PDB file of N, CA and C in Angstrom:
ATOM      1  N   MET A   1     216.148  36.554  43.824  1.00  0.00           N
ATOM      2  CA  MET A   1     215.113  35.989  44.662  1.00  0.00           C
ATOM      3  C   MET A   1     215.356  34.481  44.764  1.00  0.00           C
ATOM      4  N   THR A   2     215.352  33.982  45.994  1.00  0.00           N
ATOM      5  CA  THR A   2     215.589  32.563  46.193  1.00  0.00           C
ATOM      6  C   THR A   2     214.317  31.780  45.901  1.00  0.00           C
ATOM      7  N   GLU A   3     214.509  30.488  45.809  1.00  0.00           N
ATOM      8  CA  GLU A   3     213.356  29.620  45.537  1.00  0.00           C
ATOM      9  C   GLU A   3     212.334  29.718  46.667  1.00  0.00           C
ATOM     10  N   ASN A   4     212.804  29.788  47.890  1.00  0.00           N
ATOM     11  CA  ASN A   4     211.930  29.890  49.046  1.00  0.00           C
ATOM     12  C   ASN A   4     211.129  31.198  49.016  1.00  0.00           C
ATOM     13  N   GLU A   5     211.797  32.282  48.670  1.00  0.00           N
ATOM     14  CA  GLU A   5     211.125  33.586  48.570  1.00  0.00           C
ATOM     15  C   GLU A   5     210.087  33.569  47.447  1.00  0.00           C
ATOM     16  N   LEU A   6     210.426  32.903  46.368  1.00  0.00           N
ATOM     17  CA  LEU A   6     209.505  32.791  45.244  1.00  0.00           C
ATOM     18  C   LEU A   6     208.250  32.012  45.649  1.00  0.00           C
ATOM     19  N   LEU A   7     208.457  30.925  46.384  1.00  0.00           N
ATOM     20  CA  LEU A   7     207.317  30.134  46.856  1.00  0.00           C
ATOM     21  C   LEU A   7     206.436  30.938  47.808  1.00  0.00           C
ATOM     22  N   ILE A   8     207.081  31.719  48.676  1.00  0.00           N
ATOM     23  CA  ILE A   8     206.318  32.566  49.600  1.00  0.00           C
ATOM     24  C   ILE A   8     205.527  33.613  48.825  1.00  0.00           C
ATOM     25  N   ALA A   9     206.147  34.205  47.821  1.00  0.00           N
ATOM     26  CA  ALA A   9     205.468  35.211  46.996  1.00  0.00           C
ATOM     27  C   ALA A   9     204.272  34.596  46.274  1.00  0.00           C
ATOM     28  N   ILE A  10     204.454  33.394  45.714  1.00  0.00           N
ATOM     29  CA  ILE A  10     203.348  32.697  45.035  1.00  0.00           C
ATOM     30  C   ILE A  10     202.238  32.383  46.032  1.00  0.00           C
ATOM     31  N   SER A  11     202.611  31.926  47.218  1.00  0.00           N
ATOM     32  CA  SER A  11     201.630  31.614  48.257  1.00  0.00           C
ATOM     33  C   SER A  11     200.824  32.854  48.639  1.00  0.00           C
ATOM     34  N   ASN A  12     201.515  33.977  48.794  1.00  0.00           N
ATOM     35  CA  ASN A  12     200.830  35.231  49.129  1.00  0.00           C
ATOM     36  C   ASN A  12     199.884  35.669  48.018  1.00  0.00           C
ATOM     37  N   MET A  13     200.326  35.506  46.784  1.00  0.00           N
ATOM     38  CA  MET A  13     199.466  35.849  45.649  1.00  0.00           C
ATOM     39  C   MET A  13     198.219  34.964  45.630  1.00  0.00           C
ATOM     40  N   MET A  14     198.400  33.686  45.879  1.00  0.00           N
ATOM     41  CA  MET A  14     197.265  32.760  45.914  1.00  0.00           C
ATOM     42  C   MET A  14     196.305  33.137  47.034  1.00  0.00           C
ATOM     43  N   ASP A  15     196.863  33.496  48.195  1.00  0.00           N
ATOM     44  CA  ASP A  15     196.016  33.913  49.319  1.00  0.00           C
ATOM     45  C   ASP A  15     195.168  35.124  48.939  1.00  0.00           C
ATOM     46  N   GLU A  16     195.778  36.089  48.264  1.00  0.00           N
ATOM     47  CA  GLU A  16     195.044  37.286  47.835  1.00  0.00           C
ATOM     48  C   GLU A  16     193.956  36.936  46.814  1.00  0.00           C
ATOM     49  N   LYS A  17     194.279  36.046  45.894  1.00  0.00           N
ATOM     50  CA  LYS A  17     193.302  35.648  44.870  1.00  0.00           C
ATOM     51  C   LYS A  17     192.138  34.873  45.490  1.00  0.00           C
ATOM     52  N   LEU A  18     192.430  34.065  46.510  1.00  0.00           N
ATOM     53  CA  LEU A  18     191.409  33.224  47.118  1.00  0.00           C
ATOM     54  C   LEU A  18     190.621  33.928  48.223  1.00  0.00           C
ATOM     55  N   LYS A  19     191.092  35.076  48.674  1.00  0.00           N
ATOM     56  CA  LYS A  19     190.429  35.793  49.769  1.00  0.00           C
ATOM     57  C   LYS A  19     188.948  36.070  49.481  1.00  0.00           C
ATOM     58  N   PRO A  20     188.571  36.574  48.277  1.00  0.00           N
ATOM     59  CA  PRO A  20     187.140  36.805  48.016  1.00  0.00           C
ATOM     60  C   PRO A  20     186.312  35.505  48.073  1.00  0.00           C
ATOM     61  N   ILE A  21     186.897  34.423  47.619  1.00  0.00           N
ATOM     62  CA  ILE A  21     186.188  33.142  47.664  1.00  0.00           C
ATOM     63  C   ILE A  21     185.996  32.707  49.106  1.00  0.00           C
ATOM     64  N   LYS A  22     187.027  32.874  49.913  1.00  0.00           N
ATOM     65  CA  LYS A  22     186.947  32.506  51.333  1.00  0.00           C
ATOM     66  C   LYS A  22     185.891  33.351  52.045  1.00  0.00           C
ATOM     67  N   ILE A  23     185.870  34.631  51.751  1.00  0.00           N
ATOM     68  CA  ILE A  23     184.886  35.525  52.371  1.00  0.00           C
ATOM     69  C   ILE A  23     183.475  35.119  51.961  1.00  0.00           C
ATOM     70  N   THR A  24     183.290  34.794  50.688  1.00  0.00           N
ATOM     71  CA  THR A  24     181.985  34.351  50.207  1.00  0.00           C
ATOM     72  C   THR A  24     181.563  33.069  50.905  1.00  0.00           C
ATOM     73  N   LEU A  25     182.480  32.144  51.050  1.00  0.00           N
ATOM     74  CA  LEU A  25     182.171  30.889  51.749  1.00  0.00           C
ATOM     75  C   LEU A  25     181.765  31.154  53.189  1.00  0.00           C
ATOM     76  N   GLU A  26     182.548  31.964  53.887  1.00  0.00           N
ATOM     77  CA  GLU A  26     182.296  32.213  55.310  1.00  0.00           C
ATOM     78  C   GLU A  26     181.038  33.035  55.553  1.00  0.00           C
ATOM     79  N   ASN A  27     180.799  34.029  54.720  1.00  0.00           N
ATOM     80  CA  ASN A  27     179.704  34.964  54.973  1.00  0.00           C
ATOM     81  C   ASN A  27     178.398  34.607  54.280  1.00  0.00           C
ATOM     82  N   ASP A  28     178.452  33.831  53.233  1.00  0.00           N
ATOM     83  CA  ASP A  28     177.242  33.569  52.452  1.00  0.00           C
ATOM     84  C   ASP A  28     176.877  32.094  52.413  1.00  0.00           C
ATOM     85  N   ILE A  29     177.781  31.285  51.945  1.00  0.00           N
ATOM     86  CA  ILE A  29     177.464  29.875  51.687  1.00  0.00           C
ATOM     87  C   ILE A  29     177.334  29.079  52.984  1.00  0.00           C
ATOM     88  N   LEU A  30     178.275  29.213  53.905  1.00  0.00           N
ATOM     89  CA  LEU A  30     178.222  28.436  55.148  1.00  0.00           C
ATOM     90  C   LEU A  30     176.968  28.733  55.973  1.00  0.00           C
ATOM     91  N   PRO A  31     176.581  30.005  56.158  1.00  0.00           N
ATOM     92  CA  PRO A  31     175.336  30.248  56.896  1.00  0.00           C
ATOM     93  C   PRO A  31     174.110  29.646  56.206  1.00  0.00           C
ATOM     94  N   ARG A  32     174.090  29.695  54.894  1.00  0.00           N
ATOM     95  CA  ARG A  32     172.961  29.096  54.167  1.00  0.00           C
ATOM     96  C   ARG A  32     172.934  27.583  54.351  1.00  0.00           C
ATOM     97  N   LEU A  33     174.088  26.951  54.275  1.00  0.00           N
ATOM     98  CA  LEU A  33     174.158  25.506  54.494  1.00  0.00           C
ATOM     99  C   LEU A  33     173.723  25.136  55.906  1.00  0.00           C
ATOM    100  N   GLN A  34     174.124  25.944  56.879  1.00  0.00           N
ATOM    101  CA  GLN A  34     173.716  25.686  58.258  1.00  0.00           C
ATOM    102  C   GLN A  34     172.205  25.834  58.411  1.00  0.00           C
ATOM    103  N   ASN A  35     171.635  26.813  57.728  1.00  0.00           N
ATOM    104  CA  ASN A  35     170.184  27.008  57.763  1.00  0.00           C
ATOM    105  C   ASN A  35     169.462  25.823  57.123  1.00  0.00           C
ATOM    106  N   ILE A  36     169.964  25.364  56.003  1.00  0.00           N
ATOM    107  CA  ILE A  36     169.370  24.199  55.332  1.00  0.00           C
ATOM    108  C   ILE A  36     169.456  22.980  56.238  1.00  0.00           C
ATOM    109  N   GLU A  37     170.593  22.783  56.881  1.00  0.00           N
ATOM    110  CA  GLU A  37     170.770  21.648  57.786  1.00  0.00           C
ATOM    111  C   GLU A  37     169.780  21.724  58.946  1.00  0.00           C
ATOM    112  N   THR A  38     169.620  22.913  59.520  1.00  0.00           N
ATOM    113  CA  THR A  38     168.689  23.093  60.638  1.00  0.00           C
ATOM    114  C   THR A  38     167.266  22.778  60.199  1.00  0.00           C
ATOM    115  N   CYS A  39     166.866  23.294  59.049  1.00  0.00           N
ATOM    116  CA  CYS A  39     165.519  23.031  58.545  1.00  0.00           C
ATOM    117  C   CYS A  39     165.326  21.540  58.290  1.00  0.00           C
ATOM    118  N   TYR A  40     166.305  20.900  57.717  1.00  0.00           N
ATOM    119  CA  TYR A  40     166.214  19.476  57.410  1.00  0.00           C
ATOM    120  C   TYR A  40     166.078  18.647  58.687  1.00  0.00           C
ATOM    121  N   THR A  41     166.922  18.926  59.675  1.00  0.00           N
ATOM    122  CA  THR A  41     166.875  18.121  60.891  1.00  0.00           C
ATOM    123  C   THR A  41     165.583  18.371  61.667  1.00  0.00           C
ATOM    124  N   ASP A  42     165.106  19.623  61.691  1.00  0.00           N
ATOM    125  CA  ASP A  42     163.827  19.912  62.345  1.00  0.00           C
ATOM    126  C   ASP A  42     162.681  19.180  61.653  1.00  0.00           C
ATOM    127  N   THR A  43     162.681  19.214  60.330  1.00  0.00           N
ATOM    128  CA  THR A  43     161.637  18.528  59.572  1.00  0.00           C
ATOM    129  C   THR A  43     161.703  17.028  59.801  1.00  0.00           C
ATOM    130  N   TYR A  44     162.903  16.479  59.827  1.00  0.00           N
ATOM    131  CA  TYR A  44     163.058  15.047  60.073  1.00  0.00           C
ATOM    132  C   TYR A  44     162.467  14.670  61.428  1.00  0.00           C
ATOM    133  N   ARG A  45     162.769  15.462  62.458  1.00  0.00           N
ATOM    134  CA  ARG A  45     162.240  15.162  63.799  1.00  0.00           C
ATOM    135  C   ARG A  45     160.715  15.213  63.812  1.00  0.00           C
ATOM    136  N   ARG A  46     160.140  16.226  63.150  1.00  0.00           N
ATOM    137  CA  ARG A  46     158.673  16.319  63.110  1.00  0.00           C
ATOM    138  C   ARG A  46     158.074  15.112  62.408  1.00  0.00           C
ATOM    139  N   TYR A  47     158.643  14.711  61.290  1.00  0.00           N
ATOM    140  CA  TYR A  47     158.128  13.553  60.568  1.00  0.00           C
ATOM    141  C   TYR A  47     158.306  12.267  61.368  1.00  0.00           C
ATOM    142  N   ALA A  48     159.433  12.133  62.030  1.00  0.00           N
ATOM    143  CA  ALA A  48     159.672  10.936  62.846  1.00  0.00           C
ATOM    144  C   ALA A  48     158.625  10.843  63.946  1.00  0.00           C
ATOM    145  N   ASN A  49     158.352  11.959  64.622  1.00  0.00           N
ATOM    146  CA  ASN A  49     157.318  11.970  65.657  1.00  0.00           C
ATOM    147  C   ASN A  49     155.939  11.748  65.049  1.00  0.00           C
ATOM    148  N   GLY A  50     155.698  12.322  63.898  1.00  0.00           N
ATOM    149  CA  GLY A  50     154.405  12.181  63.228  1.00  0.00           C
ATOM    150  C   GLY A  50     154.132  10.738  62.827  1.00  0.00           C
ATOM    151  N   ILE A  51     155.157  10.035  62.393  1.00  0.00           N
ATOM    152  CA  ILE A  51     154.994   8.634  61.989  1.00  0.00           C
ATOM    153  C   ILE A  51     154.567   7.798  63.185  1.00  0.00           C
ATOM    154  N   GLU A  52     155.189   8.034  64.327  1.00  0.00           N
ATOM    155  CA  GLU A  52     154.814   7.285  65.537  1.00  0.00           C
ATOM    156  C   GLU A  52     153.357   7.546  65.894  1.00  0.00           C
ATOM    157  N   LYS A  53     152.930   8.793  65.811  1.00  0.00           N
ATOM    158  CA  LYS A  53     151.542   9.143  66.118  1.00  0.00           C
ATOM    159  C   LYS A  53     150.601   8.506  65.097  1.00  0.00           C
ATOM    160  N   LEU A  54     150.986   8.537  63.831  1.00  0.00           N
ATOM    161  CA  LEU A  54     150.154   7.958  62.782  1.00  0.00           C
ATOM    162  C   LEU A  54     149.974   6.458  62.993  1.00  0.00           C
ATOM    163  N   GLU A  55     151.038   5.777  63.331  1.00  0.00           N
ATOM    164  CA  GLU A  55     150.950   4.331  63.572  1.00  0.00           C
ATOM    165  C   GLU A  55     150.041   4.035  64.758  1.00  0.00           C
ATOM    166  N   ALA A  56     150.148   4.849  65.820  1.00  0.00           N
ATOM    167  CA  ALA A  56     149.282   4.673  66.994  1.00  0.00           C
ATOM    168  C   ALA A  56     147.826   4.919  66.615  1.00  0.00           C
ATOM    169  N   MET A  57     147.583   5.947  65.799  1.00  0.00           N
ATOM    170  CA  MET A  57     146.210   6.244  65.357  1.00  0.00           C
ATOM    171  C   MET A  57     145.654   5.107  64.510  1.00  0.00           C
ATOM    172  N   GLU A  58     146.470   4.529  63.642  1.00  0.00           N
ATOM    173  CA  GLU A  58     146.015   3.408  62.811  1.00  0.00           C
ATOM    174  C   GLU A  58     145.591   2.230  63.682  1.00  0.00           C
ATOM    175  N   GLN A  59     146.370   1.968  64.726  1.00  0.00           N
ATOM    176  CA  GLN A  59     146.016   0.876  65.641  1.00  0.00           C
ATOM    177  C   GLN A  59     144.719   1.191  66.376  1.00  0.00           C
ATOM    178  N   ASP A  60     144.580   2.419  66.848  1.00  0.00           N
ATOM    179  CA  ASP A  60     143.353   2.822  67.531  1.00  0.00           C
ATOM    180  C   ASP A  60     142.143   2.705  66.615  1.00  0.00           C
ATOM    181  N   ILE A  61     142.271   3.136  65.379  1.00  0.00           N
ATOM    182  CA  ILE A  61     141.167   3.074  64.421  1.00  0.00           C
ATOM    183  C   ILE A  61     140.788   1.627  64.134  1.00  0.00           C
ATOM    184  N   ALA A  62     141.774   0.755  64.005  1.00  0.00           N
ATOM    185  CA  ALA A  62     141.485  -0.665  63.759  1.00  0.00           C
ATOM    186  C   ALA A  62     140.692  -1.249  64.920  1.00  0.00           C
ATOM    187  N   ILE A  63     141.068  -0.905  66.152  1.00  0.00           N
ATOM    188  CA  ILE A  63     140.346  -1.400  67.328  1.00  0.00           C
ATOM    189  C   ILE A  63     138.935  -0.823  67.354  1.00  0.00           C
ATOM    190  N   MET A  64     138.812   0.488  67.107  1.00  0.00           N
ATOM    191  CA  MET A  64     137.494   1.129  67.102  1.00  0.00           C
ATOM    192  C   MET A  64     136.591   0.515  66.030  1.00  0.00           C
ATOM    193  N   LYS A  65     137.149   0.250  64.863  1.00  0.00           N
ATOM    194  CA  LYS A  65     136.383  -0.347  63.769  1.00  0.00           C
ATOM    195  C   LYS A  65     135.846  -1.711  64.184  1.00  0.00           C
ATOM    196  N   LYS A  66     136.663  -2.502  64.822  1.00  0.00           N
ATOM    197  CA  LYS A  66     136.252  -3.835  65.272  1.00  0.00           C
ATOM    198  C   LYS A  66     135.144  -3.735  66.318  1.00  0.00           C
ATOM    199  N   VAL A  67     135.305  -2.826  67.282  1.00  0.00           N
ATOM    200  CA  VAL A  67     134.306  -2.651  68.333  1.00  0.00           C
ATOM    201  C   VAL A  67     132.997  -2.146  67.740  1.00  0.00           C
ATOM    202  N   ILE A  68     133.050  -1.218  66.818  1.00  0.00           N
ATOM    203  CA  ILE A  68     131.840  -0.685  66.177  1.00  0.00           C
ATOM    204  C   ILE A  68     131.122  -1.788  65.414  1.00  0.00           C
ATOM    205  N   GLN A  69     131.865  -2.618  64.700  1.00  0.00           N
ATOM    206  CA  GLN A  69     131.251  -3.732  63.972  1.00  0.00           C
ATOM    207  C   GLN A  69     130.567  -4.699  64.936  1.00  0.00           C
ATOM    208  N   GLU A  70     131.233  -5.008  66.050  1.00  0.00           N
ATOM    209  CA  GLU A  70     130.642  -5.914  67.038  1.00  0.00           C
ATOM    210  C   GLU A  70     129.385  -5.306  67.640  1.00  0.00           C
ATOM    211  N   HIS A  71     129.418  -4.028  67.959  1.00  0.00           N
ATOM    212  CA  HIS A  71     128.254  -3.360  68.529  1.00  0.00           C
ATOM    213  C   HIS A  71     127.111  -3.301  67.514  1.00  0.00           C
ATOM    214  N   SER A  72     127.442  -3.068  66.253  1.00  0.00           N
ATOM    215  CA  SER A  72     126.420  -3.040  65.204  1.00  0.00           C
ATOM    216  C   SER A  72     125.736  -4.392  65.093  1.00  0.00           C
ATOM    217  N   GLU A  73     126.515  -5.466  65.150  1.00  0.00           N
ATOM    218  CA  GLU A  73     125.950  -6.804  65.075  1.00  0.00           C
ATOM    219  C   GLU A  73     125.017  -7.063  66.271  1.00  0.00           C
ATOM    220  N   LYS A  74     125.447  -6.652  67.469  1.00  0.00           N
ATOM    221  CA  LYS A  74     124.637  -6.849  68.668  1.00  0.00           C
ATOM    222  C   LYS A  74     123.348  -6.035  68.578  1.00  0.00           C
ATOM    223  N   LEU A  75     123.430  -4.791  68.085  1.00  0.00           N
ATOM    224  CA  LEU A  75     122.254  -3.971  67.942  1.00  0.00           C
ATOM    225  C   LEU A  75     121.291  -4.564  66.907  1.00  0.00           C
ATOM    226  N   ASN A  76     121.819  -5.123  65.842  1.00  0.00           N
ATOM    227  CA  ASN A  76     120.964  -5.760  64.827  1.00  0.00           C
ATOM    228  C   ASN A  76     120.265  -6.988  65.409  1.00  0.00           C
ATOM    229  N   GLN A  77     120.938  -7.705  66.291  1.00  0.00           N
ATOM    230  CA  GLN A  77     120.311  -8.880  66.903  1.00  0.00           C
ATOM    231  C   GLN A  77     119.195  -8.459  67.866  1.00  0.00           C
ATOM    232  N   ILE A  78     119.388  -7.357  68.554  1.00  0.00           N
ATOM    233  CA  ILE A  78     118.374  -6.863  69.495  1.00  0.00           C
ATOM    234  C   ILE A  78     117.147  -6.345  68.751  1.00  0.00           C
ATOM    235  N   ALA A  79     117.356  -5.688  67.622  1.00  0.00           N
ATOM    236  CA  ALA A  79     116.254  -5.068  66.907  1.00  0.00           C
ATOM    237  C   ALA A  79     115.350  -6.026  66.218  1.00  0.00           C
TER     238      ALA A  79
END
């Protein structure tokens, strides 16, 4: 057996030994990782949108609080 044939035989043996690992990666681990990635990116988008809404609500509440205080003062002066 030549050195080249020996290397090919070793390569084939390695391929056979690694085949179950490759199948596990392709059929089990990769789909799970893709699912985790999808969930993460969806959650990130929801939180990013939620933060913008929260900041807008905080500004609205601050304005409403100021207007309510001013109206309360005016009502107290009238009474």
